[in-house]
Amino acid sequence: MKKINEIFEDVIGKSKIPETEKKFIKQELKNFGDKLNKSIISKKIKAEVFFGGSFVRDTMTKREQYDADVFVRFDKQYKKENLTEMLEKILKPNPNLKLVHGSRDYFKLKVSENFEIEIIPVLKIRKPEEADNITDLSYFHVNYIKKKMSEKIKREVIIAKVFCQANHVYGAESYIQGFSGYALELLMIKYKSFLNFLKEVNKIKNNDKLIVDIEKHYKNKNQIMMDLNESKLGSPIILVDPTYKQRNALAALSLETFNKFKEEARKFLKVPSVEFFTERKVDIEKIKEDAKKKKEDFILIEIWTDKQEGDIAGSKLLKFYRHLLTEIERFFDIKNKGFNYNGKHAARFFYAAQKKKEIVVNGPATSDKKNVKEFQKHHKVTYTKKGRFYAKEIVELNLKRFIDKWKKKNANKVKGMYITEIKVL
């Protein structure tokens, strides 16, 4: 425990935002909020401004890039209006202001090289059930966390965030499918410490779910599984939103991301080290060398999309990476793989693989004489099983040649997946 506490103290010390940066963000937020309120009054719009995000809750960690959330809460009389368009009228024209597409479109204002303000339009509602959009719940989230957050819990949240950031499992974006800041805050409120949460996660057996209901909205776990929408039950952790019991605050968490978190948690508990809180960059050259020693094919690919940077671009690039992986797995055994999105319009990924000795190709039914003849023309060795023809083929292409051939054959599919360029590095 002494060693773990020392590690956590070190993490807290290194994660503190420098006072100069903190003062800058605080002042810029105040100035922006004042201007926003004046504009709302001058345009005679019934709306109010409130601040959200980790900076306001004092759980922001030291990063290269900072952002803060400013919400404009529109009166219910505007329920049928386009809130994004109304917000645009309030915001003064600014070359650094950018429209961002999301579940409800919002704006991003670049204040400096390393600080942005996200301005999000929401509807003023009395209770969560009235929400038109997930962002309408933000007001309830902010107030709930404020009530429950203590100085100790803030520290635990920061430790949890740094661990998740270092291990690439932080963020609910579809190309990450990890832990959101709000979810980590709720989990620290529930388990009182990051260490307690790690221990709880370590107990989870394969295919089991961790079910968390902080406010005990439900009598038991079965009732939760019965009451929540089936689409919200796919995540390995069911975290009942304390402000709205119909919502799973960790619905975005994928099994793949959770397993990555679980594995790092297990390793940390076994041999605690500050390295688990330090982002480890992938050493492509080492991976390439290891693949060569094992006589595996290795390929590094860069792809681009013209879709909006952030969640949309990231999800398109990840989808293509996974699709290409599925195609490759038909002919190769994947030994190692990795994906990295640059936050803009491109991603890099790699595969290390060994080609299969042979593959089985499904053919037509034995009764389909015409296609059987065609199938036998294209395949030297065929056989029948349960009324269907099959063929065995030797895999002759290496990984690079396979991808080159696949690119040419599937040019239209690639375009349909919004990928503008594929480059083998």
Protein backbone atom coordinates (compact mmCIF):
# COMPACT_ATOMS: atom_id res chain seq x y z
CA MET A 1 0.00 0.00 0.00
CA LYS A 2 2.85 2.38 0.79
CA LYS A 3 4.29 1.96 -2.69
CA ILE A 4 0.87 2.42 -4.33
CA ASN A 5 0.23 5.59 -2.31
CA GLU A 6 3.62 6.93 -3.35
CA ILE A 7 2.77 6.21 -6.99
CA PHE A 8 -0.58 7.98 -6.66
CA GLU A 9 1.07 11.03 -5.02
CA ASP A 10 3.54 11.15 -7.90
CA VAL A 11 0.69 10.96 -10.44
CA ILE A 12 -1.22 13.78 -8.72
CA GLY A 13 1.91 15.95 -8.62
CA LYS A 14 2.68 15.45 -12.31
CA SER A 15 -0.95 15.87 -13.39
CA LYS A 16 -1.57 19.28 -11.87
CA ILE A 17 -2.27 22.04 -14.38
CA PRO A 18 0.30 24.83 -14.01
CA GLU A 19 -1.20 27.81 -12.16
CA THR A 20 -0.52 30.16 -15.07
CA GLU A 21 -2.53 27.92 -17.43
CA LYS A 22 -5.29 27.47 -14.86
CA LYS A 23 -5.63 31.25 -14.39
CA PHE A 24 -5.63 31.78 -18.15
CA ILE A 25 -8.44 29.24 -18.71
CA LYS A 26 -10.47 30.61 -15.79
CA GLN A 27 -10.20 34.19 -17.05
CA GLU A 28 -10.99 33.27 -20.66
CA LEU A 29 -14.06 31.30 -19.55
CA LYS A 30 -15.29 34.22 -17.43
CA ASN A 31 -14.78 36.71 -20.27
CA PHE A 32 -16.52 34.44 -22.75
CA GLY A 33 -19.43 33.75 -20.37
CA ASP A 34 -19.93 37.50 -19.76
CA LYS A 35 -20.01 38.22 -23.51
CA LEU A 36 -22.40 35.35 -24.08
CA ASN A 37 -24.82 36.57 -21.40
CA LYS A 38 -24.76 40.11 -22.82
CA SER A 39 -25.52 38.80 -26.31
CA ILE A 40 -28.44 36.67 -24.99
CA ILE A 41 -29.94 39.73 -23.25
CA SER A 42 -29.44 42.01 -26.25
CA LYS A 43 -31.19 39.53 -28.56
CA LYS A 44 -34.04 39.08 -26.03
CA ILE A 45 -33.70 35.30 -26.04
CA LYS A 46 -34.74 33.34 -22.96
CA ALA A 47 -31.64 31.31 -22.18
CA GLU A 48 -29.03 30.91 -19.46
CA VAL A 49 -25.34 30.04 -19.47
CA PHE A 50 -23.76 27.37 -17.30
CA PHE A 51 -20.30 25.85 -17.27
CA GLY A 52 -19.54 22.14 -17.30
CA GLY A 53 -16.65 19.80 -17.92
CA SER A 54 -13.66 18.75 -15.88
CA PHE A 55 -12.17 22.24 -15.49
CA VAL A 56 -15.22 23.49 -13.59
CA ARG A 57 -15.25 20.31 -11.47
CA ASP A 58 -11.52 20.66 -10.80
CA THR A 59 -10.73 17.21 -12.21
CA MET A 60 -8.90 18.36 -15.33
CA THR A 61 -5.46 16.83 -15.84
CA LYS A 62 -2.37 18.38 -17.38
CA ARG A 63 -2.51 17.91 -21.14
CA GLU A 64 -1.09 19.38 -24.33
CA GLN A 65 -4.59 20.49 -25.33
CA TYR A 66 -7.36 21.74 -23.02
CA ASP A 67 -11.04 22.29 -23.63
CA ALA A 68 -13.93 23.53 -21.53
CA ASP A 69 -17.69 23.15 -21.96
CA VAL A 70 -20.05 26.10 -21.97
CA PHE A 71 -23.75 25.25 -22.20
CA VAL A 72 -26.47 27.62 -23.36
CA ARG A 73 -29.71 26.37 -21.81
CA PHE A 74 -32.69 27.50 -23.89
CA ASP A 75 -36.15 27.92 -22.42
CA LYS A 76 -38.70 25.19 -23.19
CA GLN A 77 -40.66 27.60 -25.39
CA TYR A 78 -37.95 26.95 -28.02
CA LYS A 79 -38.51 23.18 -27.95
CA LYS A 80 -39.47 23.05 -31.63
CA GLU A 81 -36.76 25.47 -32.74
CA ASN A 82 -33.34 24.55 -34.14
CA LEU A 83 -31.23 25.27 -31.05
CA THR A 84 -27.95 25.22 -32.99
CA GLU A 85 -29.22 27.97 -35.30
CA MET A 86 -30.42 29.99 -32.30
CA LEU A 87 -27.00 29.61 -30.66
CA GLU A 88 -25.33 30.77 -33.87
CA LYS A 89 -27.35 34.01 -33.70
CA ILE A 90 -26.13 34.60 -30.15
CA LEU A 91 -22.48 33.94 -30.98
CA LYS A 92 -20.70 36.81 -32.66
CA PRO A 93 -18.99 36.01 -35.99
CA ASN A 94 -15.47 34.82 -35.33
CA PRO A 95 -12.95 33.22 -37.73
CA ASN A 96 -11.91 30.87 -34.90
CA LEU A 97 -15.49 29.59 -34.45
CA LYS A 98 -16.26 26.24 -36.05
CA LEU A 99 -19.50 24.26 -36.37
CA VAL A 100 -19.17 20.66 -35.16
CA HIS A 101 -21.64 17.96 -36.17
CA GLY A 102 -22.90 15.70 -33.40
CA SER A 103 -26.12 14.29 -31.92
CA ARG A 104 -26.97 18.01 -31.78
CA ASP A 105 -24.61 20.32 -33.64
CA TYR A 106 -22.53 22.67 -31.49
CA PHE A 107 -19.63 25.12 -31.85
CA LYS A 108 -15.95 25.07 -31.04
CA LEU A 109 -13.99 28.28 -30.41
CA LYS A 110 -10.20 28.19 -30.63
CA VAL A 111 -9.00 30.60 -27.93
CA SER A 112 -5.27 29.80 -28.10
CA GLU A 113 -2.94 27.15 -29.46
CA ASN A 114 -3.74 24.78 -26.60
CA PHE A 115 -7.21 25.87 -25.42
CA GLU A 116 -10.66 25.56 -26.99
CA ILE A 117 -14.16 26.30 -25.72
CA GLU A 118 -17.03 24.05 -26.79
CA ILE A 119 -20.37 25.87 -26.82
CA ILE A 120 -23.28 23.44 -26.63
CA PRO A 121 -26.99 24.30 -27.02
CA VAL A 122 -29.32 22.43 -24.64
CA LEU A 123 -32.98 22.59 -23.72
CA LYS A 124 -34.05 23.72 -20.26
CA ILE A 125 -36.05 20.83 -18.82
CA ARG A 126 -37.41 20.12 -15.34
CA LYS A 127 -36.64 16.40 -15.32
CA PRO A 128 -34.38 14.12 -17.39
CA GLU A 129 -37.33 12.27 -18.93
CA GLU A 130 -38.11 15.44 -20.93
CA ALA A 131 -34.73 15.43 -22.70
CA ASP A 132 -34.80 15.65 -26.49
CA ASN A 133 -31.09 14.95 -26.70
CA ILE A 134 -28.43 13.40 -24.48
CA THR A 135 -26.80 16.84 -24.08
CA ASP A 136 -29.95 18.10 -22.33
CA LEU A 137 -28.93 15.93 -19.36
CA SER A 138 -25.66 17.82 -18.89
CA TYR A 139 -27.19 20.28 -16.41
CA PHE A 140 -28.28 17.40 -14.15
CA HIS A 141 -24.85 15.73 -14.46
CA VAL A 142 -23.03 18.92 -13.45
CA ASN A 143 -25.23 19.48 -10.40
CA TYR A 144 -25.10 15.85 -9.26
CA ILE A 145 -21.30 15.72 -9.43
CA LYS A 146 -21.01 19.05 -7.60
CA LYS A 147 -23.07 17.68 -4.70
CA LYS A 148 -21.16 14.40 -4.46
CA MET A 149 -17.62 15.53 -5.20
CA SER A 150 -15.20 15.88 -2.29
CA GLU A 151 -11.52 16.85 -2.43
CA LYS A 152 -10.58 13.18 -1.91
CA ILE A 153 -12.83 12.02 -4.74
CA LYS A 154 -11.40 14.72 -7.04
CA ARG A 155 -7.94 13.26 -6.46
CA GLU A 156 -9.18 9.75 -7.20
CA VAL A 157 -10.84 10.94 -10.42
CA ILE A 158 -7.58 12.52 -11.58
CA ILE A 159 -5.68 9.27 -10.85
CA ALA A 160 -8.32 7.27 -12.76
CA LYS A 161 -8.22 9.67 -15.71
CA VAL A 162 -4.43 9.60 -16.01
CA PHE A 163 -4.46 5.77 -15.91
CA CYS A 164 -7.12 5.61 -18.63
CA GLN A 165 -5.43 8.26 -20.78
CA ALA A 166 -2.06 6.50 -20.54
CA ASN A 167 -3.62 3.19 -21.60
CA HIS A 168 -5.76 4.66 -24.41
CA VAL A 169 -9.11 3.75 -22.86
CA TYR A 170 -10.29 7.29 -22.02
CA GLY A 171 -13.16 8.80 -24.00
CA ALA A 172 -16.62 7.74 -25.09
CA GLU A 173 -15.94 8.55 -28.74
CA SER A 174 -16.82 5.73 -31.09
CA TYR A 175 -13.19 5.25 -32.19
CA ILE A 176 -12.17 4.73 -28.52
CA GLN A 177 -15.33 3.29 -26.87
CA GLY A 178 -13.87 3.85 -23.44
CA PHE A 179 -14.55 5.59 -20.12
CA SER A 180 -15.96 9.12 -20.26
CA GLY A 181 -14.97 11.69 -17.63
CA TYR A 182 -18.51 11.63 -16.20
CA ALA A 183 -18.45 7.82 -15.92
CA LEU A 184 -15.12 7.87 -14.07
CA GLU A 185 -16.47 10.51 -11.67
CA LEU A 186 -19.48 8.32 -10.92
CA LEU A 187 -17.31 5.24 -10.42
CA MET A 188 -15.02 7.07 -7.99
CA ILE A 189 -18.08 8.33 -6.08
CA LYS A 190 -19.30 4.72 -5.86
CA TYR A 191 -16.02 2.96 -4.96
CA LYS A 192 -14.44 5.85 -2.98
CA SER A 193 -11.02 5.23 -4.56
CA PHE A 194 -9.40 4.21 -7.84
CA LEU A 195 -7.67 1.30 -6.11
CA ASN A 196 -11.01 -0.08 -4.86
CA PHE A 197 -12.37 0.14 -8.40
CA LEU A 198 -9.36 -1.72 -9.83
CA LYS A 199 -9.84 -4.48 -7.26
CA GLU A 200 -13.53 -4.75 -8.18
CA VAL A 201 -12.70 -4.95 -11.88
CA ASN A 202 -10.09 -7.63 -11.17
CA LYS A 203 -12.81 -9.85 -9.66
CA ILE A 204 -14.91 -9.84 -12.83
CA LYS A 205 -14.84 -13.16 -14.64
CA ASN A 206 -15.01 -13.47 -18.42
CA ASN A 207 -18.42 -12.59 -19.89
CA ASP A 208 -19.69 -11.32 -16.51
CA LYS A 209 -21.00 -7.78 -16.19
CA LEU A 210 -20.33 -5.29 -13.42
CA ILE A 211 -23.63 -3.61 -12.52
CA VAL A 212 -23.48 -0.31 -10.63
CA ASP A 213 -26.53 1.55 -9.30
CA ILE A 214 -25.20 4.33 -7.04
CA GLU A 215 -28.58 5.77 -6.03
CA LYS A 216 -30.27 2.34 -5.81
CA HIS A 217 -32.93 3.26 -8.35
CA TYR A 218 -33.65 -0.46 -8.76
CA LYS A 219 -34.42 -3.19 -6.22
CA ASN A 220 -31.95 -5.65 -7.73
CA LYS A 221 -29.72 -6.36 -10.73
CA ASN A 222 -32.37 -8.39 -12.53
CA GLN A 223 -34.71 -5.42 -12.51
CA ILE A 224 -31.98 -3.28 -14.09
CA MET A 225 -31.46 -5.81 -16.87
CA MET A 226 -35.23 -5.98 -17.46
CA ASP A 227 -35.91 -2.23 -17.35
CA LEU A 228 -33.03 -0.76 -19.37
CA ASN A 229 -33.29 -0.67 -23.15
CA GLU A 230 -31.62 -3.75 -24.65
CA SER A 231 -29.35 -1.55 -26.80
CA LYS A 232 -27.88 -0.09 -23.57
CA LEU A 233 -27.00 -3.47 -22.06
CA GLY A 234 -24.17 -4.50 -24.39
CA SER A 235 -21.36 -2.89 -22.41
CA PRO A 236 -19.36 -4.92 -19.84
CA ILE A 237 -20.22 -2.36 -17.14
CA ILE A 238 -23.81 -1.27 -16.63
CA LEU A 239 -23.59 2.08 -14.83
CA VAL A 240 -27.08 3.36 -14.04
CA ASP A 241 -27.02 7.14 -14.48
CA PRO A 242 -27.99 8.48 -11.02
CA THR A 243 -29.75 11.44 -12.67
CA TYR A 244 -31.77 9.31 -15.11
CA LYS A 245 -32.28 5.65 -14.29
CA GLN A 246 -33.16 4.67 -17.88
CA ARG A 247 -29.64 5.48 -19.04
CA ASN A 248 -26.46 3.42 -18.89
CA ALA A 249 -23.67 5.99 -18.46
CA LEU A 250 -21.17 3.44 -19.82
CA ALA A 251 -23.17 2.22 -22.81
CA ALA A 252 -20.31 3.31 -25.11
CA LEU A 253 -17.73 1.08 -23.38
CA SER A 254 -16.75 -1.81 -25.66
CA LEU A 255 -15.62 -5.24 -24.49
CA GLU A 256 -12.33 -4.82 -26.36
CA THR A 257 -11.53 -1.53 -24.57
CA PHE A 258 -12.67 -2.89 -21.22
CA ASN A 259 -10.50 -5.99 -21.59
CA LYS A 260 -7.53 -3.74 -22.30
CA PHE A 261 -8.30 -1.76 -19.12
CA LYS A 262 -8.84 -4.95 -17.13
CA GLU A 263 -5.51 -6.41 -18.26
CA GLU A 264 -3.60 -3.23 -17.30
CA ALA A 265 -5.44 -3.15 -13.95
CA ARG A 266 -4.42 -6.77 -13.27
CA LYS A 267 -0.78 -6.03 -14.11
CA PHE A 268 -0.74 -2.91 -11.92
CA LEU A 269 -2.21 -4.72 -8.92
CA LYS A 270 0.36 -7.46 -9.34
CA VAL A 271 3.40 -5.19 -9.79
CA PRO A 272 2.52 -1.53 -9.04
CA SER A 273 4.52 0.97 -11.09
CA VAL A 274 4.21 4.59 -12.15
CA GLU A 275 4.74 3.38 -15.74
CA PHE A 276 1.05 2.42 -15.89
CA PHE A 277 0.28 6.15 -15.68
CA THR A 278 2.68 7.14 -18.44
CA GLU A 279 1.62 6.98 -22.07
CA ARG A 280 3.69 4.36 -23.82
CA LYS A 281 4.24 5.01 -27.50
CA VAL A 282 4.10 2.05 -29.83
CA ASP A 283 7.58 1.19 -31.13
CA ILE A 284 6.77 0.29 -34.72
CA GLU A 285 10.38 -0.55 -35.57
CA LYS A 286 10.59 -3.04 -32.69
CA ILE A 287 7.27 -4.64 -33.69
CA LYS A 288 8.54 -4.87 -37.27
CA GLU A 289 11.80 -6.50 -36.12
CA ASP A 290 9.92 -8.98 -33.89
CA ALA A 291 7.68 -9.93 -36.82
CA LYS A 292 10.73 -10.46 -39.02
CA LYS A 293 12.36 -12.76 -36.42
CA LYS A 294 9.18 -14.82 -36.24
CA LYS A 295 8.97 -14.93 -40.05
CA GLU A 296 5.70 -12.99 -40.07
CA ASP A 297 4.54 -10.53 -42.71
CA PHE A 298 4.40 -6.96 -41.39
CA ILE A 299 2.62 -4.00 -42.95
CA LEU A 300 2.11 -0.39 -41.86
CA ILE A 301 -0.74 1.51 -43.50
CA GLU A 302 -1.91 5.12 -43.43
CA ILE A 303 -5.45 6.03 -44.47
CA TRP A 304 -7.31 9.32 -44.92
CA THR A 305 -10.94 10.41 -44.85
CA ASP A 306 -12.60 13.71 -45.76
CA LYS A 307 -15.13 13.39 -42.93
CA GLN A 308 -15.26 15.89 -40.04
CA GLU A 309 -12.27 15.48 -37.73
CA GLY A 310 -12.99 14.00 -34.32
CA ASP A 311 -15.59 11.36 -33.58
CA ILE A 312 -16.95 11.14 -37.15
CA ALA A 313 -13.58 10.83 -38.92
CA GLY A 314 -12.19 8.57 -36.19
CA SER A 315 -15.13 6.17 -36.37
CA LYS A 316 -14.93 5.93 -40.20
CA LEU A 317 -11.20 5.20 -40.07
CA LEU A 318 -11.62 2.61 -37.30
CA LYS A 319 -14.47 0.93 -39.19
CA PHE A 320 -12.26 0.57 -42.27
CA TYR A 321 -9.35 -0.80 -40.19
CA ARG A 322 -11.66 -3.46 -38.72
CA HIS A 323 -13.18 -4.31 -42.10
CA LEU A 324 -9.75 -4.77 -43.69
CA LEU A 325 -8.73 -6.92 -40.71
CA THR A 326 -11.70 -9.22 -41.36
CA GLU A 327 -10.73 -9.50 -45.04
CA ILE A 328 -7.10 -10.31 -44.18
CA GLU A 329 -8.11 -12.93 -41.59
CA ARG A 330 -9.62 -15.06 -44.35
CA PHE A 331 -6.10 -15.75 -45.68
CA PHE A 332 -3.76 -14.90 -42.78
CA ASP A 333 -3.44 -15.61 -39.07
CA ILE A 334 -3.09 -12.23 -37.34
CA LYS A 335 -0.30 -12.26 -34.73
CA ASN A 336 -0.26 -8.56 -33.81
CA LYS A 337 -2.18 -5.43 -34.76
CA GLY A 338 -2.64 -1.81 -33.74
CA PHE A 339 -4.60 1.32 -34.67
CA ASN A 340 -3.84 4.98 -34.00
CA TYR A 341 -6.05 7.91 -35.02
CA ASN A 342 -4.31 11.31 -35.19
CA GLY A 343 -7.40 13.32 -34.21
CA LYS A 344 -7.62 14.95 -37.64
CA HIS A 345 -8.31 13.17 -40.95
CA ALA A 346 -5.84 10.28 -40.91
CA ALA A 347 -4.98 7.10 -39.04
CA ARG A 348 -2.10 4.65 -39.06
CA PHE A 349 -2.38 0.97 -38.33
CA PHE A 350 -0.32 -2.16 -38.65
CA TYR A 351 -0.79 -5.90 -39.00
CA ALA A 352 1.73 -8.67 -38.36
CA ALA A 353 0.52 -11.97 -39.79
CA GLN A 354 1.39 -15.40 -41.11
CA LYS A 355 -0.33 -16.69 -44.21
CA LYS A 356 -2.45 -19.79 -43.82
CA LYS A 357 -1.21 -22.95 -45.49
CA GLU A 358 -4.55 -23.34 -47.22
CA ILE A 359 -8.07 -22.00 -47.09
CA VAL A 360 -11.47 -23.55 -47.75
CA VAL A 361 -13.62 -21.81 -50.38
CA ASN A 362 -17.41 -22.34 -50.23
CA GLY A 363 -18.93 -23.39 -53.51
CA PRO A 364 -22.45 -23.96 -54.93
CA ALA A 365 -24.92 -26.69 -54.01
CA THR A 366 -24.28 -30.03 -55.75
CA SER A 367 -27.64 -29.68 -57.53
CA ASP A 368 -26.59 -26.36 -59.13
CA LYS A 369 -25.01 -27.97 -62.23
CA LYS A 370 -24.24 -24.71 -64.06
CA ASN A 371 -22.37 -23.07 -61.17
CA VAL A 372 -20.70 -26.34 -60.16
CA LYS A 373 -19.09 -26.47 -63.61
CA GLU A 374 -17.93 -22.86 -63.28
CA PHE A 375 -16.63 -23.48 -59.74
CA GLN A 376 -14.61 -26.53 -60.83
CA LYS A 377 -13.16 -24.49 -63.70
CA HIS A 378 -11.67 -21.99 -61.22
CA HIS A 379 -10.56 -24.46 -58.54
CA LYS A 380 -8.26 -27.40 -59.15
CA VAL A 381 -9.13 -29.48 -56.06
CA THR A 382 -12.82 -29.66 -55.11
CA TYR A 383 -14.85 -31.91 -52.85
CA THR A 384 -18.44 -32.27 -51.64
CA LYS A 385 -19.84 -32.25 -48.15
CA LYS A 386 -23.49 -32.22 -47.07
CA GLY A 387 -24.77 -31.36 -50.54
CA ARG A 388 -22.33 -28.52 -51.28
CA PHE A 389 -19.08 -28.15 -53.20
CA TYR A 390 -15.92 -26.83 -51.53
CA ALA A 391 -12.38 -26.17 -52.70
CA LYS A 392 -9.03 -26.05 -50.95
CA GLU A 393 -6.59 -23.36 -52.03
CA ILE A 394 -2.99 -22.61 -51.12
CA VAL A 395 -2.39 -18.98 -50.11
CA GLU A 396 0.33 -17.66 -52.40
CA LEU A 397 0.21 -13.88 -51.89
CA ASN A 398 2.16 -12.16 -49.13
CA LEU A 399 0.40 -9.49 -47.04
CA LYS A 400 1.50 -6.49 -49.13
CA ARG A 401 0.52 -8.09 -52.42
CA PHE A 402 -2.79 -9.19 -50.92
CA ILE A 403 -3.62 -5.60 -49.87
CA ASP A 404 -2.53 -4.15 -53.23
CA LYS A 405 -4.81 -6.61 -55.01
CA TRP A 406 -7.66 -6.01 -52.53
CA LYS A 407 -7.43 -2.22 -53.01
CA LYS A 408 -7.83 -2.49 -56.78
CA LYS A 409 -10.67 -4.98 -56.57
CA ASN A 410 -12.59 -3.04 -53.90
CA ALA A 411 -12.07 0.57 -55.04
CA ASN A 412 -15.81 1.33 -54.97
CA LYS A 413 -16.25 -0.21 -51.53
CA VAL A 414 -13.35 1.88 -50.19
CA LYS A 415 -14.93 5.03 -51.59
CA GLY A 416 -18.29 4.05 -50.06
CA MET A 417 -16.59 3.79 -46.67
CA TYR A 418 -15.42 7.44 -47.03
CA ILE A 419 -11.75 6.52 -47.31
CA THR A 420 -10.01 8.93 -49.71
CA GLU A 421 -6.52 7.40 -49.72
CA ILE A 422 -4.73 4.23 -48.62
CA LYS A 423 -0.96 4.29 -48.45
CA VAL A 424 1.29 1.37 -47.53
CA LEU A 425 4.28 2.87 -45.69
